[in-house]
Amino acid sequence: MKLNSFGKVVAVAALAAACGAAQAQEVVRLGNLKFAHYGAVSYIKEIAPKCGIKVEEHMFAKGLDVMQAIIAGELDVGTTASEAAISGRAGGAPIVVVAGFAKGGARLVGRADLKLKSVKDLKGKRVGVTRGGIQEVLLLAELQQAGLTVSEQPGKDVQLVLLAYADLNQALLGKNIDAMMQSEPQSSQALNKGFGTEILKPYDTPIGEPIRTMVMTEKFYKEKRPLAEKFMRCFVEATKTFIDQPAVAEKYVRDVVFKGQISSDDFQDAISNSPYSYDITPEHIQITTDVMVKTGVGKMSKPPVARDWVKTDLLDAAKKSLNVK
């Protein structure tokens, strides 16, 4: 009996080791950002076991940091604004765009006491923005459309003040800047707390509403197809949950992602300006690339051609398997 018991223990241990090894192979390393419209991507890790995978989420301050982690071989999947993905690809990041997980997510906000009404009112003003985000591209495109010159140094029509997303609201509140091109939910918070007023949502440039991009490393996309397929189905399921069940989305983003730091109004206003989505096209990425070249953002010596690295076959298959239109 003792031998039989010992044999069972050995067998169970061997099975556990085999399961552990299999599980270790099913880990997806995900790089993400802390914004309201990135919440469905964070939710993937919560439902990942149901999808047959484990997702390790790593949070970054901005999209360019995600690109650096991908280049360093630390991530399989990353989420970012299209600008950082394009700059990353141009700089040698071995990535493909596989989905678009949110639209919009930007707002030009002025100091409430200045009563700024249009982009042209920014002449002579200091405008805050984060380097390496789509907000920078949109701001420069809007200023260019309005015929305003811009520089980080005084002397042009508009002086850029480069700050982290987390510092922009404080700078506007402290009157260290006159306006900001900000992401969500921070721009909604500035409006709801009364120290900022909306000048415009910057969607009248050729880019239209910017689409946030999900990227995979080429190695993950090509060499780990079964795992990539499982991850993409999990992404579609998480996003569908957030779209179909707004209460689930709000509770998760407010309680888990932001740990109670944003109000219900902040969340509702943020998502109304940055709805969750699935889709992306080579055309959208190409237009964004062209605007970046025109505005000088990213300073790319060889801008990537969108059709070479926008691959939506995994997304299309996942949506079809889950009956998502």
C-alpha atoms as a PDB file:
ATOM      1  CA  MET A   1       0.000   0.000   0.000  1.00  0.00           C
ATOM      2  CA  LYS A   2       2.834   2.309   0.818  1.00  0.00           C
ATOM      3  CA  LEU A   3       4.455   1.652  -2.547  1.00  0.00           C
ATOM      4  CA  ASN A   4       1.130   2.211  -4.305  1.00  0.00           C
ATOM      5  CA  SER A   5       0.636   5.437  -2.362  1.00  0.00           C
ATOM      6  CA  PHE A   6       4.144   6.560  -3.202  1.00  0.00           C
ATOM      7  CA  GLY A   7       3.573   5.691  -6.847  1.00  0.00           C
ATOM      8  CA  LYS A   8       0.394   7.768  -6.864  1.00  0.00           C
ATOM      9  CA  VAL A   9       2.228  10.699  -5.323  1.00  0.00           C
ATOM     10  CA  VAL A  10       4.928  10.437  -7.986  1.00  0.00           C
ATOM     11  CA  ALA A  11       2.318  10.199 -10.730  1.00  0.00           C
ATOM     12  CA  VAL A  12       0.400  13.201  -9.397  1.00  0.00           C
ATOM     13  CA  ALA A  13       3.621  15.200  -9.068  1.00  0.00           C
ATOM     14  CA  ALA A  14       4.622  14.288 -12.612  1.00  0.00           C
ATOM     15  CA  LEU A  15       1.203  15.319 -13.916  1.00  0.00           C
ATOM     16  CA  ALA A  16       1.366  18.596 -11.990  1.00  0.00           C
ATOM     17  CA  ALA A  17       4.820  19.286 -13.402  1.00  0.00           C
ATOM     18  CA  ALA A  18       3.603  18.544 -16.911  1.00  0.00           C
ATOM     19  CA  CYS A  19       0.579  20.829 -16.432  1.00  0.00           C
ATOM     20  CA  GLY A  20       2.838  23.516 -15.008  1.00  0.00           C
ATOM     21  CA  ALA A  21       5.135  23.291 -18.019  1.00  0.00           C
ATOM     22  CA  ALA A  22       2.184  23.472 -20.384  1.00  0.00           C
ATOM     23  CA  GLN A  23       0.793  26.439 -18.479  1.00  0.00           C
ATOM     24  CA  ALA A  24       4.148  28.221 -18.570  1.00  0.00           C
ATOM     25  CA  GLN A  25       4.071  27.977 -22.370  1.00  0.00           C
ATOM     26  CA  GLU A  26       0.648  29.627 -22.415  1.00  0.00           C
ATOM     27  CA  VAL A  27       1.701  32.932 -20.831  1.00  0.00           C
ATOM     28  CA  VAL A  28       1.208  36.142 -22.817  1.00  0.00           C
ATOM     29  CA  ARG A  29       3.232  39.180 -21.728  1.00  0.00           C
ATOM     30  CA  LEU A  30       1.088  42.283 -22.259  1.00  0.00           C
ATOM     31  CA  GLY A  31       2.193  45.926 -22.096  1.00  0.00           C
ATOM     32  CA  ASN A  32      -0.602  48.412 -21.360  1.00  0.00           C
ATOM     33  CA  LEU A  33      -1.256  52.031 -20.300  1.00  0.00           C
ATOM     34  CA  LYS A  34      -3.424  53.407 -17.486  1.00  0.00           C
ATOM     35  CA  PHE A  35      -6.281  55.138 -19.299  1.00  0.00           C
ATOM     36  CA  ALA A  36     -10.036  54.606 -19.197  1.00  0.00           C
ATOM     37  CA  HIS A  37     -10.197  53.459 -22.815  1.00  0.00           C
ATOM     38  CA  TYR A  38      -7.438  50.867 -22.228  1.00  0.00           C
ATOM     39  CA  GLY A  39      -9.640  49.174 -19.608  1.00  0.00           C
ATOM     40  CA  ALA A  40     -10.999  46.369 -21.793  1.00  0.00           C
ATOM     41  CA  VAL A  41      -7.417  45.336 -22.564  1.00  0.00           C
ATOM     42  CA  SER A  42      -6.689  45.149 -18.815  1.00  0.00           C
ATOM     43  CA  TYR A  43      -9.828  43.032 -18.405  1.00  0.00           C
ATOM     44  CA  ILE A  44      -8.308  40.335 -20.654  1.00  0.00           C
ATOM     45  CA  LYS A  45      -6.178  39.118 -17.750  1.00  0.00           C
ATOM     46  CA  GLU A  46      -9.306  38.605 -15.627  1.00  0.00           C
ATOM     47  CA  ILE A  47     -10.958  36.265 -18.146  1.00  0.00           C
ATOM     48  CA  ALA A  48      -7.713  34.780 -19.497  1.00  0.00           C
ATOM     49  CA  PRO A  49      -8.043  31.457 -17.588  1.00  0.00           C
ATOM     50  CA  LYS A  50     -11.399  30.934 -19.310  1.00  0.00           C
ATOM     51  CA  CYS A  51      -9.606  31.507 -22.614  1.00  0.00           C
ATOM     52  CA  GLY A  52      -7.010  28.872 -21.739  1.00  0.00           C
ATOM     53  CA  ILE A  53      -4.138  31.316 -21.246  1.00  0.00           C
ATOM     54  CA  LYS A  54      -2.432  33.403 -18.592  1.00  0.00           C
ATOM     55  CA  VAL A  55      -1.847  37.111 -19.223  1.00  0.00           C
ATOM     56  CA  GLU A  56       0.855  39.012 -17.370  1.00  0.00           C
ATOM     57  CA  GLU A  57       0.036  42.728 -17.625  1.00  0.00           C
ATOM     58  CA  HIS A  58       2.847  45.273 -17.313  1.00  0.00           C
ATOM     59  CA  MET A  59       1.845  48.949 -17.026  1.00  0.00           C
ATOM     60  CA  PHE A  60       3.833  51.743 -18.702  1.00  0.00           C
ATOM     61  CA  ALA A  61       3.712  55.548 -18.576  1.00  0.00           C
ATOM     62  CA  LYS A  62       3.447  56.053 -22.350  1.00  0.00           C
ATOM     63  CA  GLY A  63       3.333  54.196 -25.635  1.00  0.00           C
ATOM     64  CA  LEU A  64       6.981  54.728 -26.535  1.00  0.00           C
ATOM     65  CA  ASP A  65       7.915  52.895 -23.312  1.00  0.00           C
ATOM     66  CA  VAL A  66       5.849  49.937 -24.506  1.00  0.00           C
ATOM     67  CA  MET A  67       7.777  49.991 -27.791  1.00  0.00           C
ATOM     68  CA  GLN A  68      11.101  49.978 -25.953  1.00  0.00           C
ATOM     69  CA  ALA A  69       9.998  46.957 -23.919  1.00  0.00           C
ATOM     70  CA  ILE A  70       9.007  45.153 -27.119  1.00  0.00           C
ATOM     71  CA  ILE A  71      12.394  45.906 -28.710  1.00  0.00           C
ATOM     72  CA  ALA A  72      14.048  44.571 -25.541  1.00  0.00           C
ATOM     73  CA  GLY A  73      12.120  41.300 -25.932  1.00  0.00           C
ATOM     74  CA  GLU A  74      10.103  41.787 -22.731  1.00  0.00           C
ATOM     75  CA  LEU A  75       6.587  41.760 -24.257  1.00  0.00           C
ATOM     76  CA  ASP A  76       4.544  39.705 -26.727  1.00  0.00           C
ATOM     77  CA  VAL A  77       1.653  42.178 -27.102  1.00  0.00           C
ATOM     78  CA  GLY A  78       1.433  45.920 -26.504  1.00  0.00           C
ATOM     79  CA  THR A  79      -1.211  48.634 -26.598  1.00  0.00           C
ATOM     80  CA  THR A  80      -0.524  52.215 -27.539  1.00  0.00           C
ATOM     81  CA  ALA A  81      -1.655  55.125 -29.638  1.00  0.00           C
ATOM     82  CA  SER A  82      -0.968  54.710 -33.334  1.00  0.00           C
ATOM     83  CA  GLU A  83       1.763  57.373 -33.254  1.00  0.00           C
ATOM     84  CA  ALA A  84       3.982  55.340 -30.921  1.00  0.00           C
ATOM     85  CA  ALA A  85       3.373  52.157 -32.902  1.00  0.00           C
ATOM     86  CA  ILE A  86       4.316  53.909 -36.147  1.00  0.00           C
ATOM     87  CA  SER A  87       7.413  55.488 -34.599  1.00  0.00           C
ATOM     88  CA  GLY A  88       8.319  52.122 -33.101  1.00  0.00           C
ATOM     89  CA  ARG A  89       8.010  50.295 -36.424  1.00  0.00           C
ATOM     90  CA  ALA A  90      10.042  53.026 -38.143  1.00  0.00           C
ATOM     91  CA  GLY A  91      12.706  52.627 -35.446  1.00  0.00           C
ATOM     92  CA  GLY A  92      13.016  48.887 -35.943  1.00  0.00           C
ATOM     93  CA  ALA A  93      10.474  47.475 -33.477  1.00  0.00           C
ATOM     94  CA  PRO A  94       9.492  44.038 -34.871  1.00  0.00           C
ATOM     95  CA  ILE A  95       5.725  44.585 -34.578  1.00  0.00           C
ATOM     96  CA  VAL A  96       2.492  44.167 -36.502  1.00  0.00           C
ATOM     97  CA  VAL A  97      -0.779  45.996 -35.784  1.00  0.00           C
ATOM     98  CA  VAL A  98      -3.485  43.400 -35.126  1.00  0.00           C
ATOM     99  CA  ALA A  99      -6.481  45.375 -33.764  1.00  0.00           C
ATOM    100  CA  GLY A 100      -7.836  48.759 -32.752  1.00  0.00           C
ATOM    101  CA  PHE A 101      -9.256  48.801 -29.237  1.00  0.00           C
ATOM    102  CA  ALA A 102     -10.594  52.364 -28.782  1.00  0.00           C
ATOM    103  CA  LYS A 103     -11.370  55.488 -30.785  1.00  0.00           C
ATOM    104  CA  GLY A 104     -10.957  59.181 -30.000  1.00  0.00           C
ATOM    105  CA  GLY A 105      -9.569  59.746 -26.519  1.00  0.00           C
ATOM    106  CA  ALA A 106      -8.212  63.282 -26.940  1.00  0.00           C
ATOM    107  CA  ARG A 107      -9.449  66.754 -26.062  1.00  0.00           C
ATOM    108  CA  LEU A 108      -8.021  70.253 -26.332  1.00  0.00           C
ATOM    109  CA  VAL A 109      -8.740  71.896 -22.975  1.00  0.00           C
ATOM    110  CA  GLY A 110      -8.166  75.540 -22.048  1.00  0.00           C
ATOM    111  CA  ARG A 111      -7.900  77.198 -18.651  1.00  0.00           C
ATOM    112  CA  ALA A 112     -11.411  78.035 -17.513  1.00  0.00           C
ATOM    113  CA  ASP A 113     -10.524  81.664 -16.701  1.00  0.00           C
ATOM    114  CA  LEU A 114      -9.134  82.358 -20.198  1.00  0.00           C
ATOM    115  CA  LYS A 115     -12.325  81.421 -22.071  1.00  0.00           C
ATOM    116  CA  LEU A 116     -10.458  80.127 -25.138  1.00  0.00           C
ATOM    117  CA  LYS A 117     -12.926  79.282 -27.931  1.00  0.00           C
ATOM    118  CA  SER A 118     -10.833  78.067 -30.879  1.00  0.00           C
ATOM    119  CA  VAL A 119      -7.392  76.837 -31.908  1.00  0.00           C
ATOM    120  CA  LYS A 120      -6.577  80.331 -33.204  1.00  0.00           C
ATOM    121  CA  ASP A 121      -7.051  81.645 -29.659  1.00  0.00           C
ATOM    122  CA  LEU A 122      -3.908  79.716 -28.705  1.00  0.00           C
ATOM    123  CA  LYS A 123      -1.697  82.350 -30.344  1.00  0.00           C
ATOM    124  CA  GLY A 124       0.690  83.672 -27.709  1.00  0.00           C
ATOM    125  CA  LYS A 125      -0.201  80.837 -25.329  1.00  0.00           C
ATOM    126  CA  ARG A 126       1.683  77.981 -23.639  1.00  0.00           C
ATOM    127  CA  VAL A 127       0.155  74.617 -24.504  1.00  0.00           C
ATOM    128  CA  GLY A 128       0.975  71.401 -22.662  1.00  0.00           C
ATOM    129  CA  VAL A 129       1.194  68.009 -24.343  1.00  0.00           C
ATOM    130  CA  THR A 130       2.881  64.658 -23.784  1.00  0.00           C
ATOM    131  CA  ARG A 131       5.659  63.709 -26.166  1.00  0.00           C
ATOM    132  CA  GLY A 132       5.179  60.335 -27.778  1.00  0.00           C
ATOM    133  CA  GLY A 133       1.386  60.252 -27.780  1.00  0.00           C
ATOM    134  CA  ILE A 134      -1.202  60.706 -30.512  1.00  0.00           C
ATOM    135  CA  GLN A 135      -2.200  63.927 -28.717  1.00  0.00           C
ATOM    136  CA  GLU A 136       1.051  65.508 -29.910  1.00  0.00           C
ATOM    137  CA  VAL A 137       0.292  64.589 -33.528  1.00  0.00           C
ATOM    138  CA  LEU A 138      -3.260  65.937 -33.247  1.00  0.00           C
ATOM    139  CA  LEU A 139      -2.129  69.166 -31.584  1.00  0.00           C
ATOM    140  CA  LEU A 140       0.486  69.895 -34.242  1.00  0.00           C
ATOM    141  CA  ALA A 141      -1.982  69.049 -37.018  1.00  0.00           C
ATOM    142  CA  GLU A 142      -4.591  71.405 -35.514  1.00  0.00           C
ATOM    143  CA  LEU A 143      -2.047  74.232 -35.129  1.00  0.00           C
ATOM    144  CA  GLN A 144      -0.860  73.693 -38.690  1.00  0.00           C
ATOM    145  CA  GLN A 145      -4.458  73.835 -39.975  1.00  0.00           C
ATOM    146  CA  ALA A 146      -4.959  77.099 -38.079  1.00  0.00           C
ATOM    147  CA  GLY A 147      -1.783  78.582 -39.594  1.00  0.00           C
ATOM    148  CA  LEU A 148       0.009  78.865 -36.240  1.00  0.00           C
ATOM    149  CA  THR A 149       3.733  78.267 -35.767  1.00  0.00           C
ATOM    150  CA  VAL A 150       4.965  76.251 -32.803  1.00  0.00           C
ATOM    151  CA  SER A 151       8.156  75.600 -30.871  1.00  0.00           C
ATOM    152  CA  GLU A 152       9.306  74.358 -27.490  1.00  0.00           C
ATOM    153  CA  GLN A 153      11.138  77.689 -27.146  1.00  0.00           C
ATOM    154  CA  PRO A 154       9.526  81.162 -26.938  1.00  0.00           C
ATOM    155  CA  GLY A 155       9.326  83.122 -30.181  1.00  0.00           C
ATOM    156  CA  LYS A 156       6.711  81.244 -32.205  1.00  0.00           C
ATOM    157  CA  ASP A 157       2.921  81.657 -32.126  1.00  0.00           C
ATOM    158  CA  VAL A 158       2.528  78.818 -29.640  1.00  0.00           C
ATOM    159  CA  GLN A 159       5.018  77.495 -27.097  1.00  0.00           C
ATOM    160  CA  LEU A 160       4.856  73.747 -26.457  1.00  0.00           C
ATOM    161  CA  VAL A 161       5.331  72.577 -22.876  1.00  0.00           C
ATOM    162  CA  LEU A 162       6.148  68.866 -22.748  1.00  0.00           C
ATOM    163  CA  LEU A 163       4.757  67.119 -19.673  1.00  0.00           C
ATOM    164  CA  ALA A 164       3.677  63.629 -18.639  1.00  0.00           C
ATOM    165  CA  TYR A 165      -0.074  62.886 -18.862  1.00  0.00           C
ATOM    166  CA  ALA A 166      -0.232  62.808 -15.067  1.00  0.00           C
ATOM    167  CA  ASP A 167       1.280  66.309 -14.787  1.00  0.00           C
ATOM    168  CA  LEU A 168      -0.772  68.162 -17.423  1.00  0.00           C
ATOM    169  CA  ASN A 169      -3.880  68.694 -15.274  1.00  0.00           C
ATOM    170  CA  GLN A 170      -1.835  70.006 -12.363  1.00  0.00           C
ATOM    171  CA  ALA A 171      -0.014  72.427 -14.691  1.00  0.00           C
ATOM    172  CA  LEU A 172      -3.335  73.726 -16.041  1.00  0.00           C
ATOM    173  CA  LEU A 173      -4.795  74.029 -12.546  1.00  0.00           C
ATOM    174  CA  GLY A 174      -1.655  75.870 -11.376  1.00  0.00           C
ATOM    175  CA  LYS A 175      -1.810  78.194 -14.428  1.00  0.00           C
ATOM    176  CA  ASN A 176       1.646  77.076 -15.576  1.00  0.00           C
ATOM    177  CA  ILE A 177       0.124  76.373 -18.992  1.00  0.00           C
ATOM    178  CA  ASP A 178      -2.815  78.005 -20.765  1.00  0.00           C
ATOM    179  CA  ALA A 179      -4.180  74.927 -22.507  1.00  0.00           C
ATOM    180  CA  MET A 180      -3.445  71.238 -22.978  1.00  0.00           C
ATOM    181  CA  MET A 181      -4.064  68.441 -25.441  1.00  0.00           C
ATOM    182  CA  GLN A 182      -4.950  65.705 -22.973  1.00  0.00           C
ATOM    183  CA  SER A 183      -6.086  62.074 -22.914  1.00  0.00           C
ATOM    184  CA  GLU A 184      -9.000  60.470 -21.066  1.00  0.00           C
ATOM    185  CA  PRO A 185     -10.116  60.420 -18.294  1.00  0.00           C
ATOM    186  CA  GLN A 186      -7.813  63.316 -17.347  1.00  0.00           C
ATOM    187  CA  SER A 187      -9.391  65.787 -19.771  1.00  0.00           C
ATOM    188  CA  SER A 188     -12.880  64.935 -18.483  1.00  0.00           C
ATOM    189  CA  GLN A 189     -11.637  65.389 -14.911  1.00  0.00           C
ATOM    190  CA  ALA A 190     -10.380  68.896 -15.754  1.00  0.00           C
ATOM    191  CA  LEU A 191     -13.835  69.797 -17.108  1.00  0.00           C
ATOM    192  CA  ASN A 192     -15.767  68.191 -14.242  1.00  0.00           C
ATOM    193  CA  LYS A 193     -13.601  69.858 -11.583  1.00  0.00           C
ATOM    194  CA  GLY A 194     -14.118  73.246 -13.217  1.00  0.00           C
ATOM    195  CA  PHE A 195     -10.548  74.359 -13.944  1.00  0.00           C
ATOM    196  CA  GLY A 196     -10.700  73.471 -17.642  1.00  0.00           C
ATOM    197  CA  THR A 197     -13.088  74.102 -20.530  1.00  0.00           C
ATOM    198  CA  GLU A 198     -13.263  72.217 -23.818  1.00  0.00           C
ATOM    199  CA  ILE A 199     -11.920  74.082 -26.833  1.00  0.00           C
ATOM    200  CA  LEU A 200     -12.516  71.150 -29.180  1.00  0.00           C
ATOM    201  CA  LYS A 201     -12.234  67.422 -29.731  1.00  0.00           C
ATOM    202  CA  PRO A 202      -9.430  67.295 -32.338  1.00  0.00           C
ATOM    203  CA  TYR A 203     -11.058  65.023 -34.888  1.00  0.00           C
ATOM    204  CA  ASP A 204     -11.251  67.412 -37.846  1.00  0.00           C
ATOM    205  CA  THR A 205      -7.732  66.628 -39.150  1.00  0.00           C
ATOM    206  CA  PRO A 206      -7.163  64.024 -41.915  1.00  0.00           C
ATOM    207  CA  ILE A 207      -6.691  61.419 -39.142  1.00  0.00           C
ATOM    208  CA  GLY A 208     -10.271  61.821 -37.934  1.00  0.00           C
ATOM    209  CA  GLU A 209     -10.833  59.970 -34.672  1.00  0.00           C
ATOM    210  CA  PRO A 210      -7.490  58.364 -33.795  1.00  0.00           C
ATOM    211  CA  ILE A 211      -7.658  54.608 -33.235  1.00  0.00           C
ATOM    212  CA  ARG A 212      -5.600  53.064 -30.438  1.00  0.00           C
ATOM    213  CA  THR A 213      -3.566  50.143 -31.674  1.00  0.00           C
ATOM    214  CA  MET A 214      -2.877  46.678 -30.343  1.00  0.00           C
ATOM    215  CA  VAL A 215       0.415  45.324 -31.642  1.00  0.00           C
ATOM    216  CA  MET A 216       2.059  41.909 -31.487  1.00  0.00           C
ATOM    217  CA  THR A 217       5.695  41.077 -32.028  1.00  0.00           C
ATOM    218  CA  GLU A 218       6.288  39.479 -35.411  1.00  0.00           C
ATOM    219  CA  LYS A 219       7.714  36.431 -33.635  1.00  0.00           C
ATOM    220  CA  PHE A 220       4.575  35.975 -31.507  1.00  0.00           C
ATOM    221  CA  TYR A 221       2.289  36.594 -34.506  1.00  0.00           C
ATOM    222  CA  LYS A 222       4.127  34.164 -36.795  1.00  0.00           C
ATOM    223  CA  GLU A 223       5.609  31.503 -34.508  1.00  0.00           C
ATOM    224  CA  LYS A 224       2.990  31.185 -31.748  1.00  0.00           C
ATOM    225  CA  ARG A 225      -0.187  31.224 -33.819  1.00  0.00           C
ATOM    226  CA  PRO A 226      -2.354  29.025 -31.566  1.00  0.00           C
ATOM    227  CA  LEU A 227      -1.517  31.181 -28.547  1.00  0.00           C
ATOM    228  CA  ALA A 228      -1.957  34.398 -30.553  1.00  0.00           C
ATOM    229  CA  GLU A 229      -5.366  33.142 -31.708  1.00  0.00           C
ATOM    230  CA  LYS A 230      -6.444  32.411 -28.112  1.00  0.00           C
ATOM    231  CA  PHE A 231      -5.291  35.855 -26.992  1.00  0.00           C
ATOM    232  CA  MET A 232      -7.173  37.589 -29.799  1.00  0.00           C
ATOM    233  CA  ARG A 233     -10.388  35.720 -29.007  1.00  0.00           C
ATOM    234  CA  CYS A 234      -9.942  36.756 -25.375  1.00  0.00           C
ATOM    235  CA  PHE A 235      -9.477  40.402 -26.464  1.00  0.00           C
ATOM    236  CA  VAL A 236     -12.663  40.302 -28.524  1.00  0.00           C
ATOM    237  CA  GLU A 237     -14.583  38.693 -25.640  1.00  0.00           C
ATOM    238  CA  ALA A 238     -13.300  41.280 -23.113  1.00  0.00           C
ATOM    239  CA  THR A 239     -14.145  44.163 -25.439  1.00  0.00           C
ATOM    240  CA  LYS A 240     -17.607  42.760 -26.234  1.00  0.00           C
ATOM    241  CA  THR A 241     -18.259  42.490 -22.471  1.00  0.00           C
ATOM    242  CA  PHE A 242     -17.330  46.148 -21.957  1.00  0.00           C
ATOM    243  CA  ILE A 243     -19.432  47.311 -24.912  1.00  0.00           C
ATOM    244  CA  ASP A 244     -22.493  45.188 -24.017  1.00  0.00           C
ATOM    245  CA  GLN A 245     -22.262  45.677 -20.242  1.00  0.00           C
ATOM    246  CA  PRO A 246     -21.305  49.309 -19.464  1.00  0.00           C
ATOM    247  CA  ALA A 247     -21.815  48.755 -15.729  1.00  0.00           C
ATOM    248  CA  VAL A 248     -19.172  46.020 -15.727  1.00  0.00           C
ATOM    249  CA  ALA A 249     -16.799  48.287 -17.649  1.00  0.00           C
ATOM    250  CA  GLU A 250     -17.325  51.210 -15.273  1.00  0.00           C
ATOM    251  CA  LYS A 251     -16.920  49.138 -12.119  1.00  0.00           C
ATOM    252  CA  TYR A 252     -13.730  47.477 -13.380  1.00  0.00           C
ATOM    253  CA  VAL A 253     -12.077  50.664 -14.636  1.00  0.00           C
ATOM    254  CA  ARG A 254     -13.019  52.787 -11.624  1.00  0.00           C
ATOM    255  CA  ASP A 255     -12.354  50.179  -8.924  1.00  0.00           C
ATOM    256  CA  VAL A 256      -9.535  48.065 -10.353  1.00  0.00           C
ATOM    257  CA  VAL A 257      -7.657  50.229 -12.861  1.00  0.00           C
ATOM    258  CA  PHE A 258      -8.006  53.599 -11.084  1.00  0.00           C
ATOM    259  CA  LYS A 259      -8.655  52.294  -7.542  1.00  0.00           C
ATOM    260  CA  GLY A 260     -11.475  54.775  -6.894  1.00  0.00           C
ATOM    261  CA  GLN A 261      -9.569  57.839  -8.139  1.00  0.00           C
ATOM    262  CA  ILE A 262     -12.116  58.785 -10.819  1.00  0.00           C
ATOM    263  CA  SER A 263     -15.815  59.517 -10.415  1.00  0.00           C
ATOM    264  CA  SER A 264     -18.702  57.995 -12.333  1.00  0.00           C
ATOM    265  CA  ASP A 265     -19.046  61.272 -14.280  1.00  0.00           C
ATOM    266  CA  ASP A 266     -15.333  61.186 -15.145  1.00  0.00           C
ATOM    267  CA  PHE A 267     -15.681  57.650 -16.481  1.00  0.00           C
ATOM    268  CA  GLN A 268     -18.894  58.300 -18.429  1.00  0.00           C
ATOM    269  CA  ASP A 269     -17.508  61.465 -20.022  1.00  0.00           C
ATOM    270  CA  ALA A 270     -14.194  59.771 -20.814  1.00  0.00           C
ATOM    271  CA  ILE A 271     -15.771  56.773 -22.551  1.00  0.00           C
ATOM    272  CA  SER A 272     -18.224  58.961 -24.470  1.00  0.00           C
ATOM    273  CA  ASN A 273     -15.078  60.542 -25.982  1.00  0.00           C
ATOM    274  CA  SER A 274     -13.140  57.267 -26.318  1.00  0.00           C
ATOM    275  CA  PRO A 275     -15.488  54.327 -26.968  1.00  0.00           C
ATOM    276  CA  TYR A 276     -14.207  50.753 -26.950  1.00  0.00           C
ATOM    277  CA  SER A 277     -13.816  49.134 -30.380  1.00  0.00           C
ATOM    278  CA  TYR A 278     -12.113  46.293 -32.257  1.00  0.00           C
ATOM    279  CA  ASP A 279     -11.221  47.412 -35.735  1.00  0.00           C
ATOM    280  CA  ILE A 280      -8.378  49.110 -37.547  1.00  0.00           C
ATOM    281  CA  THR A 281      -7.411  49.502 -41.216  1.00  0.00           C
ATOM    282  CA  PRO A 282      -4.167  49.979 -43.129  1.00  0.00           C
ATOM    283  CA  GLU A 283      -5.705  53.176 -44.538  1.00  0.00           C
ATOM    284  CA  HIS A 284      -6.086  54.740 -41.082  1.00  0.00           C
ATOM    285  CA  ILE A 285      -2.507  53.887 -40.126  1.00  0.00           C
ATOM    286  CA  GLN A 286      -1.210  55.214 -43.452  1.00  0.00           C
ATOM    287  CA  ILE A 287      -3.049  58.545 -43.059  1.00  0.00           C
ATOM    288  CA  THR A 288      -1.704  58.864 -39.504  1.00  0.00           C
ATOM    289  CA  THR A 289       1.803  58.128 -40.795  1.00  0.00           C
ATOM    290  CA  ASP A 290       1.442  60.786 -43.505  1.00  0.00           C
ATOM    291  CA  VAL A 291       0.270  63.409 -40.981  1.00  0.00           C
ATOM    292  CA  MET A 292       3.211  62.548 -38.719  1.00  0.00           C
ATOM    293  CA  VAL A 293       5.591  63.132 -41.635  1.00  0.00           C
ATOM    294  CA  LYS A 294       3.868  66.415 -42.471  1.00  0.00           C
ATOM    295  CA  THR A 295       4.028  67.702 -38.885  1.00  0.00           C
ATOM    296  CA  GLY A 296       7.528  66.350 -38.208  1.00  0.00           C
ATOM    297  CA  VAL A 297       6.463  64.134 -35.291  1.00  0.00           C
ATOM    298  CA  GLY A 298       8.723  61.144 -34.803  1.00  0.00           C
ATOM    299  CA  LYS A 299      11.333  62.411 -37.276  1.00  0.00           C
ATOM    300  CA  MET A 300      11.224  59.144 -39.240  1.00  0.00           C
ATOM    301  CA  SER A 301      13.942  58.685 -41.856  1.00  0.00           C
ATOM    302  CA  LYS A 302      11.939  55.869 -43.456  1.00  0.00           C
ATOM    303  CA  PRO A 303       8.230  55.954 -42.571  1.00  0.00           C
ATOM    304  CA  PRO A 304       6.710  52.447 -42.585  1.00  0.00           C
ATOM    305  CA  VAL A 305       4.133  51.532 -45.245  1.00  0.00           C
ATOM    306  CA  ALA A 306       0.940  50.523 -43.448  1.00  0.00           C
ATOM    307  CA  ARG A 307      -0.056  47.638 -45.721  1.00  0.00           C
ATOM    308  CA  ASP A 308       3.237  45.894 -44.844  1.00  0.00           C
ATOM    309  CA  TRP A 309       2.503  45.650 -41.115  1.00  0.00           C
ATOM    310  CA  VAL A 310      -1.228  46.000 -40.438  1.00  0.00           C
ATOM    311  CA  LYS A 311      -2.473  42.407 -40.162  1.00  0.00           C
ATOM    312  CA  THR A 312      -6.115  41.900 -39.125  1.00  0.00           C
ATOM    313  CA  ASP A 313      -6.533  38.212 -39.984  1.00  0.00           C
ATOM    314  CA  LEU A 314      -6.406  37.108 -36.323  1.00  0.00           C
ATOM    315  CA  LEU A 315      -9.000  39.738 -35.396  1.00  0.00           C
ATOM    316  CA  ASP A 316     -11.294  38.794 -38.277  1.00  0.00           C
ATOM    317  CA  ALA A 317     -11.161  35.104 -37.292  1.00  0.00           C
ATOM    318  CA  ALA A 318     -11.770  35.877 -33.601  1.00  0.00           C
ATOM    319  CA  LYS A 319     -14.772  38.107 -34.351  1.00  0.00           C
ATOM    320  CA  LYS A 320     -16.221  35.468 -36.660  1.00  0.00           C
ATOM    321  CA  SER A 321     -15.811  32.693 -34.072  1.00  0.00           C
ATOM    322  CA  LEU A 322     -17.596  34.825 -31.445  1.00  0.00           C
ATOM    323  CA  ASN A 323     -20.295  36.139 -33.827  1.00  0.00           C
ATOM    324  CA  VAL A 324     -19.159  39.740 -33.393  1.00  0.00           C
ATOM    325  CA  LYS A 325     -19.901  42.127 -36.252  1.00  0.00           C
END
